[in-house]
C-alpha atoms as a PDB file:
ATOM      1  CA  MET A   1     -24.106  11.361  -3.505  1.00  0.00           C
ATOM      2  CA  ALA A   2     -20.802   9.534  -3.903  1.00  0.00           C
ATOM      3  CA  GLY A   3     -21.063   7.449  -0.795  1.00  0.00           C
ATOM      4  CA  PRO A   4     -19.043   7.025   2.362  1.00  0.00           C
ATOM      5  CA  PHE A   5     -15.503   6.613   0.549  1.00  0.00           C
ATOM      6  CA  PRO A   6     -14.083   8.466  -2.214  1.00  0.00           C
ATOM      7  CA  PRO A   7     -13.767   6.321  -5.234  1.00  0.00           C
ATOM      8  CA  ASP A   8      -9.868   6.819  -5.351  1.00  0.00           C
ATOM      9  CA  LEU A   9      -9.458   4.502  -2.216  1.00  0.00           C
ATOM     10  CA  HIS A  10     -10.937   1.701  -4.342  1.00  0.00           C
ATOM     11  CA  ASP A  11      -8.456   2.096  -7.140  1.00  0.00           C
ATOM     12  CA  VAL A  12      -6.514  -1.034  -8.444  1.00  0.00           C
ATOM     13  CA  ARG A  13      -3.423   0.446  -7.185  1.00  0.00           C
ATOM     14  CA  HIS A  14      -4.685   0.770  -3.815  1.00  0.00           C
ATOM     15  CA  LEU A  15      -6.581  -2.625  -3.720  1.00  0.00           C
ATOM     16  CA  LYS A  16      -3.127  -4.454  -4.810  1.00  0.00           C
ATOM     17  CA  LEU A  17      -1.119  -2.806  -2.146  1.00  0.00           C
ATOM     18  CA  LYS A  18      -3.886  -3.564   0.643  1.00  0.00           C
ATOM     19  CA  ALA A  19      -4.003  -7.122  -0.804  1.00  0.00           C
ATOM     20  CA  GLY A  20      -0.363  -7.469  -0.665  1.00  0.00           C
ATOM     21  CA  LEU A  21       0.463  -5.860   2.764  1.00  0.00           C
ATOM     22  CA  LEU A  22      -2.820  -8.069   4.227  1.00  0.00           C
ATOM     23  CA  LEU A  23      -1.095 -11.122   2.909  1.00  0.00           C
ATOM     24  CA  LEU A  24       2.260 -10.298   4.299  1.00  0.00           C
ATOM     25  CA  TRP A  25       0.464  -9.772   7.498  1.00  0.00           C
ATOM     26  CA  ALA A  26      -1.350 -13.170   7.602  1.00  0.00           C
ATOM     27  CA  LEU A  27       2.082 -14.968   6.595  1.00  0.00           C
ATOM     28  CA  VAL A  28       3.790 -13.301   9.566  1.00  0.00           C
ATOM     29  CA  SER A  29       0.928 -13.801  12.126  1.00  0.00           C
ATOM     30  CA  PHE A  30       0.023 -17.357  11.330  1.00  0.00           C
ATOM     31  CA  VAL A  31       2.191 -19.287   8.981  1.00  0.00           C
ATOM     32  CA  ALA A  32       5.517 -18.127  10.791  1.00  0.00           C
ATOM     33  CA  THR A  33       4.206 -18.515  14.386  1.00  0.00           C
ATOM     34  CA  TYR A  34       2.651 -21.895  13.327  1.00  0.00           C
ATOM     35  CA  PHE A  35       6.359 -23.153  12.353  1.00  0.00           C
ATOM     36  CA  ALA A  36       7.905 -21.487  15.467  1.00  0.00           C
ATOM     37  CA  ARG A  37       8.167 -24.795  17.275  1.00  0.00           C
ATOM     38  CA  ASP A  38      10.087 -26.381  14.398  1.00  0.00           C
ATOM     39  CA  LEU A  39      12.548 -23.289  14.247  1.00  0.00           C
ATOM     40  CA  GLN A  40      13.291 -23.903  18.134  1.00  0.00           C
ATOM     41  CA  SER A  41      16.590 -25.966  17.255  1.00  0.00           C
ATOM     42  CA  LEU A  42      18.028 -23.066  15.397  1.00  0.00           C
ATOM     43  CA  VAL A  43      19.785 -20.666  17.892  1.00  0.00           C
ATOM     44  CA  VAL A  44      20.520 -16.908  17.150  1.00  0.00           C
ATOM     45  CA  GLY A  45      22.195 -14.584  19.961  1.00  0.00           C
ATOM     46  CA  GLY A  46      21.707 -17.428  22.662  1.00  0.00           C
ATOM     47  CA  TRP A  47      17.836 -17.446  22.077  1.00  0.00           C
ATOM     48  CA  PRO A  48      15.664 -19.846  19.718  1.00  0.00           C
ATOM     49  CA  LEU A  49      14.747 -18.522  16.370  1.00  0.00           C
ATOM     50  CA  GLY A  50      11.109 -19.255  17.261  1.00  0.00           C
ATOM     51  CA  TYR A  51      11.618 -16.719  20.104  1.00  0.00           C
ATOM     52  CA  TRP A  52      12.728 -14.067  17.983  1.00  0.00           C
ATOM     53  CA  ILE A  53      10.158 -14.627  15.239  1.00  0.00           C
ATOM     54  CA  ALA A  54       7.429 -14.584  17.858  1.00  0.00           C
ATOM     55  CA  ALA A  55       8.737 -11.746  20.331  1.00  0.00           C
ATOM     56  CA  GLN A  56      10.565  -9.725  17.827  1.00  0.00           C
ATOM     57  CA  GLY A  57      10.269 -10.238  14.262  1.00  0.00           C
ATOM     58  CA  ALA A  58       6.568 -10.030  14.097  1.00  0.00           C
ATOM     59  CA  VAL A  59       6.527  -6.754  15.612  1.00  0.00           C
ATOM     60  CA  VAL A  60       9.299  -5.441  13.202  1.00  0.00           C
ATOM     61  CA  VAL A  61       7.496  -6.594  10.425  1.00  0.00           C
ATOM     62  CA  PHE A  62       4.233  -5.134  11.613  1.00  0.00           C
ATOM     63  CA  ILE A  63       6.029  -1.442  11.803  1.00  0.00           C
ATOM     64  CA  GLY A  64       7.183  -2.212   8.319  1.00  0.00           C
ATOM     65  CA  ILE A  65       3.971  -2.845   6.839  1.00  0.00           C
ATOM     66  CA  VAL A  66       2.721   0.325   8.286  1.00  0.00           C
ATOM     67  CA  VAL A  67       5.833   2.311   6.774  1.00  0.00           C
ATOM     68  CA  ALA A  68       5.583   0.638   3.480  1.00  0.00           C
ATOM     69  CA  TYR A  69       1.743   1.649   3.436  1.00  0.00           C
ATOM     70  CA  CYS A  70       2.213   5.228   4.371  1.00  0.00           C
ATOM     71  CA  TRP A  71       5.020   5.547   1.819  1.00  0.00           C
ATOM     72  CA  ALA A  72       3.028   3.871  -1.138  1.00  0.00           C
ATOM     73  CA  MET A  73       0.009   6.073  -0.067  1.00  0.00           C
ATOM     74  CA  ASN A  74       2.064   9.251  -0.286  1.00  0.00           C
ATOM     75  CA  ARG A  75       3.756   8.148  -3.528  1.00  0.00           C
ATOM     76  CA  PHE A  76       0.012   7.467  -4.999  1.00  0.00           C
ATOM     77  CA  GLU A  77      -1.152  10.823  -3.858  1.00  0.00           C
ATOM     78  CA  ARG A  78       1.824  12.674  -5.275  1.00  0.00           C
ATOM     79  CA  GLN A  79       1.364  10.694  -8.582  1.00  0.00           C
ATOM     80  CA  ASP A  80      -2.571  11.637  -8.483  1.00  0.00           C
ATOM     81  CA  ALA A  81      -1.449  15.280  -7.925  1.00  0.00           C
ATOM     82  CA  ASP A  82       0.852  15.326 -10.684  1.00  0.00           C
ATOM     83  CA  LEU A  83      -1.673  13.813 -13.227  1.00  0.00           C
ATOM     84  CA  GLN A  84      -4.530  16.416 -12.053  1.00  0.00           C
ATOM     85  CA  ALA A  85      -2.047  19.276 -12.325  1.00  0.00           C
ATOM     86  CA  SER A  86      -0.832  18.258 -15.853  1.00  0.00           C
ATOM     87  CA  ALA A  87      -4.459  17.571 -16.897  1.00  0.00           C
ATOM     88  CA  PRO A  88      -5.791  21.309 -17.379  1.00  0.00           C
ATOM     89  CA  ALA A  89      -2.410  22.077 -19.096  1.00  0.00           C
ATOM     90  CA  GLN A  90      -3.138  19.171 -21.778  1.00  0.00           C
ATOM     91  CA  ALA A  91      -6.636  20.413 -22.040  1.00  0.00           C
ATOM     92  CA  HIS A  92      -5.552  24.058 -22.540  1.00  0.00           C
ATOM     93  CA  ALA A  93      -2.829  23.092 -25.016  1.00  0.00           C
ATOM     94  CA  GLN A  94      -5.218  21.058 -27.306  1.00  0.00           C
ATOM     95  CA  GLY A  95      -7.748  23.936 -27.407  1.00  0.00           C
ATOM     96  CA  PRO A  96     -11.352  24.724 -26.398  1.00  0.00           C
ATOM     97  CA  ALA A  97     -13.046  21.743 -28.730  1.00  0.00           C
ATOM     98  CA  ALA A  98     -11.168  19.119 -26.466  1.00  0.00           C
ATOM     99  CA  ASP A  99     -13.420  19.731 -23.563  1.00  0.00           C
ATOM    100  CA  GLY A 100     -16.102  17.796 -24.762  1.00  0.00           C
ATOM    101  CA  ALA A 101     -16.623  19.770 -28.221  1.00  0.00           C
ATOM    102  CA  ARG A 102     -18.296  22.680 -26.247  1.00  0.00           C
ATOM    103  CA  THR A 103     -17.448  26.190 -27.677  1.00  0.00           C
ATOM    104  CA  HIS A 104     -18.637  29.297 -26.449  1.00  0.00           C
ATOM    105  CA  GLY A 105     -19.771  31.926 -28.705  1.00  0.00           C
END
């Protein structure tokens, strides 16, 4: 039994993607809002920059995180599908001995 999660969800590519996006989320959630009071002196569009970060910027970044995750996972799935599609073709081109040195006959 393989367990509750497929092993490809714990691939190094997936873990790096998740760690990077989680770090970005933490920076936007905690660091940017922590310094929001210091940014009140800067005014953008008639409103303090701290307001834009807290009210609008964080939401836009969170949507960007979701879009980036979806795009990257689709890309990983396409790469994996291409590798699986090319693997039988390579094994067939190398001959029957390439399949673990088992021959029939």
